[in-house]
Structures are given as structure tokens and as C-alpha cells.
Amino acid sequence: MNKAKIFIYGNNNTMESYDRNSVLEKIYDTKLPSYALWTEDDIGKEDNSTKKNWWKEMEKEYLDNSCQDKSVSDIIVKWLVYYKV
């Protein structure tokens, strides 16, 4: 899959930080405090291998926590495809 087809607009680091925060809140059914939120800068400091591993770990957490929200699965799969897992 072509990366350009996954992301139509915006900065990938911004989109990934939003998606990480959203996934964490949905998997753990909680509101993240402001000091724990991922930012565009946080994502920009990571290499692709670290990012890929983060999403792999979230995939495990999604399954382990029996999360029923399909949107979470869709977000995780989107990033795993992007990082070619």
C-alpha cells in the first residue's frame, strides 16, 4: 500500500501523536492527563523501528484488554501497514 494513500493531509508526526493518544484512551478507557500526552515533537524524536515497535505493543494491549472498539484496531493496522510490519 502506498503511504500517500493512507495520509491525505497534515504532518505524519501530528497525526501519529493524535492516534497514539486516542488509542491509549480507548484501550484503557481513561482520559490521559496533559503531561502524558504524545506530541508531534515526541514522535519526531523516535526512529521508525521504535515507532513500529510501539504499535506492535499496542496491538498486544488491544487484544489483552479485550478492547471492542474497531476504530482502535483500524488505527493500529493503519500504522503497522505504514511501517510495513
N, C-alpha and C. Protein backbone atom coordinates (compact mmCIF):
# COMPACT_ATOMS: atom_id res chain seq x y z
N MET A 1 0.85 -1.18 0.00
CA MET A 1 0.00 0.00 0.00
C MET A 1 0.89 1.24 0.00
N ASN A 2 0.53 2.19 -0.79
CA ASN A 2 1.27 3.43 -0.91
C ASN A 2 0.99 4.34 0.29
N LYS A 3 2.06 4.84 0.92
CA LYS A 3 1.91 5.71 2.09
C LYS A 3 1.05 6.93 1.78
N ALA A 4 1.14 7.43 0.57
CA ALA A 4 0.38 8.62 0.19
C ALA A 4 -1.12 8.36 0.24
N LYS A 5 -1.54 7.12 0.05
CA LYS A 5 -2.96 6.80 0.10
C LYS A 5 -3.47 6.72 1.53
N ILE A 6 -2.60 6.50 2.49
CA ILE A 6 -3.01 6.42 3.88
C ILE A 6 -3.24 7.81 4.46
N PHE A 7 -2.35 8.73 4.15
CA PHE A 7 -2.42 10.07 4.73
C PHE A 7 -2.67 11.08 3.63
N ILE A 8 -3.78 11.75 3.74
CA ILE A 8 -4.17 12.68 2.70
C ILE A 8 -3.69 14.09 3.00
N TYR A 9 -3.62 14.45 4.26
CA TYR A 9 -3.24 15.80 4.63
C TYR A 9 -2.50 15.78 5.96
N GLY A 10 -1.81 16.86 6.24
CA GLY A 10 -1.19 17.03 7.55
C GLY A 10 0.17 16.37 7.69
N ASN A 11 0.74 16.60 8.83
CA ASN A 11 2.04 16.09 9.18
C ASN A 11 1.87 14.72 9.83
N ASN A 12 2.64 13.72 9.38
CA ASN A 12 2.51 12.38 9.94
C ASN A 12 2.79 12.34 11.43
N ASN A 13 3.74 13.13 11.92
CA ASN A 13 4.02 13.15 13.35
C ASN A 13 2.84 13.68 14.15
N THR A 14 2.17 14.67 13.61
CA THR A 14 0.98 15.21 14.26
C THR A 14 -0.12 14.16 14.27
N MET A 15 -0.32 13.52 13.15
CA MET A 15 -1.37 12.50 13.05
C MET A 15 -1.07 11.31 13.94
N GLU A 16 0.20 10.92 13.98
CA GLU A 16 0.56 9.77 14.81
C GLU A 16 0.41 10.10 16.30
N SER A 17 0.76 11.29 16.71
CA SER A 17 0.59 11.65 18.12
C SER A 17 -0.89 11.63 18.50
N TYR A 18 -1.73 12.15 17.63
CA TYR A 18 -3.17 12.13 17.87
C TYR A 18 -3.67 10.69 17.98
N ASP A 19 -3.23 9.85 17.06
CA ASP A 19 -3.67 8.45 17.05
C ASP A 19 -3.17 7.70 18.29
N ARG A 20 -1.94 7.94 18.70
CA ARG A 20 -1.43 7.27 19.90
C ARG A 20 -2.25 7.64 21.12
N ASN A 21 -2.53 8.92 21.28
CA ASN A 21 -3.32 9.37 22.42
C ASN A 21 -4.72 8.76 22.39
N SER A 22 -5.31 8.75 21.23
CA SER A 22 -6.66 8.20 21.08
C SER A 22 -6.69 6.71 21.41
N VAL A 23 -5.73 5.96 20.90
CA VAL A 23 -5.66 4.52 21.15
C VAL A 23 -5.47 4.23 22.64
N LEU A 24 -4.56 4.95 23.28
CA LEU A 24 -4.34 4.73 24.70
C LEU A 24 -5.61 5.00 25.52
N GLU A 25 -6.30 6.08 25.20
CA GLU A 25 -7.50 6.42 25.95
C GLU A 25 -8.60 5.38 25.75
N LYS A 26 -8.71 4.86 24.54
CA LYS A 26 -9.77 3.87 24.28
C LYS A 26 -9.43 2.50 24.85
N ILE A 27 -8.20 2.08 24.72
CA ILE A 27 -7.81 0.76 25.24
C ILE A 27 -7.96 0.72 26.76
N TYR A 28 -7.51 1.78 27.42
CA TYR A 28 -7.52 1.80 28.88
C TYR A 28 -8.74 2.50 29.47
N ASP A 29 -9.64 2.97 28.58
CA ASP A 29 -10.88 3.61 28.99
C ASP A 29 -10.64 4.70 30.04
N THR A 30 -9.75 5.63 29.66
CA THR A 30 -9.41 6.71 30.57
C THR A 30 -9.03 7.96 29.77
N LYS A 31 -9.06 9.08 30.42
CA LYS A 31 -8.61 10.34 29.83
C LYS A 31 -7.17 10.55 30.26
N LEU A 32 -6.27 10.73 29.29
CA LEU A 32 -4.86 10.94 29.61
C LEU A 32 -4.65 12.35 30.18
N PRO A 33 -3.85 12.45 31.23
CA PRO A 33 -3.52 13.79 31.74
C PRO A 33 -2.62 14.50 30.73
N SER A 34 -2.64 15.80 30.76
CA SER A 34 -1.90 16.57 29.75
C SER A 34 -0.41 16.25 29.73
N TYR A 35 0.18 15.95 30.88
CA TYR A 35 1.62 15.66 30.91
C TYR A 35 1.96 14.30 30.28
N ALA A 36 0.95 13.47 30.05
CA ALA A 36 1.19 12.14 29.48
C ALA A 36 0.88 12.06 27.98
N LEU A 37 0.39 13.15 27.41
CA LEU A 37 0.02 13.14 26.01
C LEU A 37 1.24 13.10 25.09
N TRP A 38 1.12 12.32 24.03
CA TRP A 38 2.15 12.31 22.99
C TRP A 38 2.02 13.59 22.19
N THR A 39 3.16 14.17 21.81
CA THR A 39 3.16 15.37 20.97
C THR A 39 3.88 15.07 19.65
N GLU A 40 3.71 15.96 18.72
CA GLU A 40 4.41 15.87 17.43
C GLU A 40 5.92 15.78 17.64
N ASP A 41 6.43 16.55 18.58
CA ASP A 41 7.87 16.54 18.86
C ASP A 41 8.34 15.20 19.42
N ASP A 42 7.52 14.60 20.29
CA ASP A 42 7.87 13.28 20.84
C ASP A 42 8.02 12.26 19.72
N ILE A 43 7.07 12.26 18.81
CA ILE A 43 7.08 11.29 17.71
C ILE A 43 8.28 11.56 16.80
N GLY A 44 8.57 12.83 16.56
CA GLY A 44 9.68 13.19 15.69
C GLY A 44 11.04 12.75 16.21
N LYS A 45 11.15 12.53 17.51
CA LYS A 45 12.42 12.10 18.11
C LYS A 45 12.67 10.60 17.98
N GLU A 46 11.64 9.85 17.61
CA GLU A 46 11.76 8.40 17.51
C GLU A 46 12.14 7.97 16.10
N ASP A 47 12.92 6.88 16.00
CA ASP A 47 13.18 6.32 14.67
C ASP A 47 12.03 5.38 14.30
N ASN A 48 11.99 5.01 13.05
CA ASN A 48 10.87 4.19 12.56
C ASN A 48 10.77 2.84 13.27
N SER A 49 11.89 2.27 13.64
CA SER A 49 11.87 0.99 14.34
C SER A 49 11.18 1.12 15.70
N THR A 50 11.46 2.18 16.40
CA THR A 50 10.83 2.43 17.70
C THR A 50 9.34 2.66 17.53
N LYS A 51 8.98 3.42 16.51
CA LYS A 51 7.56 3.68 16.23
C LYS A 51 6.84 2.38 15.90
N LYS A 52 7.43 1.57 15.06
CA LYS A 52 6.84 0.29 14.67
C LYS A 52 6.64 -0.59 15.90
N ASN A 53 7.64 -0.65 16.76
CA ASN A 53 7.54 -1.47 17.97
C ASN A 53 6.46 -0.96 18.91
N TRP A 54 6.28 0.36 18.98
CA TRP A 54 5.23 0.91 19.83
C TRP A 54 3.87 0.41 19.36
N TRP A 55 3.64 0.44 18.04
CA TRP A 55 2.36 0.00 17.50
C TRP A 55 2.17 -1.51 17.66
N LYS A 56 3.24 -2.27 17.55
CA LYS A 56 3.13 -3.72 17.80
C LYS A 56 2.70 -3.97 19.24
N GLU A 57 3.27 -3.21 20.15
CA GLU A 57 2.92 -3.36 21.57
C GLU A 57 1.46 -2.97 21.81
N MET A 58 0.99 -1.93 21.14
CA MET A 58 -0.41 -1.52 21.29
C MET A 58 -1.35 -2.58 20.73
N GLU A 59 -0.91 -3.26 19.69
CA GLU A 59 -1.72 -4.35 19.14
C GLU A 59 -1.91 -5.44 20.21
N LYS A 60 -0.84 -5.76 20.92
CA LYS A 60 -0.92 -6.75 22.01
C LYS A 60 -1.83 -6.24 23.13
N GLU A 61 -1.68 -4.97 23.49
CA GLU A 61 -2.51 -4.40 24.55
C GLU A 61 -3.99 -4.41 24.16
N TYR A 62 -4.26 -4.11 22.90
CA TYR A 62 -5.63 -4.12 22.38
C TYR A 62 -6.25 -5.49 22.60
N LEU A 63 -5.50 -6.53 22.26
CA LEU A 63 -6.01 -7.89 22.41
C LEU A 63 -6.09 -8.31 23.88
N ASP A 64 -5.06 -8.00 24.64
CA ASP A 64 -5.02 -8.39 26.06
C ASP A 64 -6.12 -7.73 26.88
N ASN A 65 -6.51 -6.53 26.50
CA ASN A 65 -7.55 -5.80 27.24
C ASN A 65 -8.94 -6.01 26.68
N SER A 66 -9.06 -6.89 25.70
CA SER A 66 -10.35 -7.22 25.09
C SER A 66 -11.11 -5.96 24.65
N CYS A 67 -10.37 -5.03 24.10
CA CYS A 67 -10.99 -3.80 23.60
C CYS A 67 -11.91 -4.15 22.43
N GLN A 68 -13.13 -3.65 22.47
CA GLN A 68 -14.12 -3.97 21.45
C GLN A 68 -14.30 -2.85 20.41
N ASP A 69 -13.50 -1.81 20.52
CA ASP A 69 -13.64 -0.65 19.64
C ASP A 69 -12.87 -0.90 18.34
N LYS A 70 -13.60 -1.15 17.25
CA LYS A 70 -12.95 -1.46 15.98
C LYS A 70 -12.11 -0.30 15.46
N SER A 71 -12.46 0.91 15.81
CA SER A 71 -11.68 2.06 15.35
C SER A 71 -10.24 1.98 15.87
N VAL A 72 -10.06 1.42 17.06
CA VAL A 72 -8.72 1.24 17.63
C VAL A 72 -7.93 0.27 16.76
N SER A 73 -8.55 -0.84 16.44
CA SER A 73 -7.89 -1.83 15.57
C SER A 73 -7.53 -1.22 14.23
N ASP A 74 -8.43 -0.44 13.67
CA ASP A 74 -8.18 0.20 12.37
C ASP A 74 -6.98 1.15 12.44
N ILE A 75 -6.88 1.91 13.52
CA ILE A 75 -5.75 2.84 13.68
C ILE A 75 -4.44 2.06 13.80
N ILE A 76 -4.45 1.02 14.61
CA ILE A 76 -3.24 0.21 14.80
C ILE A 76 -2.80 -0.40 13.48
N VAL A 77 -3.73 -0.98 12.76
CA VAL A 77 -3.40 -1.60 11.47
C VAL A 77 -2.87 -0.56 10.49
N LYS A 78 -3.46 0.63 10.48
CA LYS A 78 -3.00 1.69 9.58
C LYS A 78 -1.52 1.97 9.80
N TRP A 79 -1.11 2.08 11.07
CA TRP A 79 0.29 2.41 11.36
C TRP A 79 1.21 1.21 11.14
N LEU A 80 0.73 0.01 11.42
CA LEU A 80 1.55 -1.17 11.15
C LEU A 80 1.81 -1.32 9.65
N VAL A 81 0.80 -1.02 8.85
CA VAL A 81 0.97 -1.04 7.39
C VAL A 81 1.95 0.06 6.97
N TYR A 82 1.79 1.23 7.55
CA TYR A 82 2.66 2.35 7.22
C TYR A 82 4.12 2.01 7.50
N TYR A 83 4.37 1.36 8.64
CA TYR A 83 5.75 0.98 8.99
C TYR A 83 6.11 -0.40 8.49
N LYS A 84 5.26 -0.96 7.65
CA LYS A 84 5.50 -2.22 6.95
C LYS A 84 5.85 -3.38 7.89
N VAL A 85 4.98 -3.62 8.85
CA VAL A 85 5.19 -4.74 9.76
C VAL A 85 4.68 -6.00 9.11
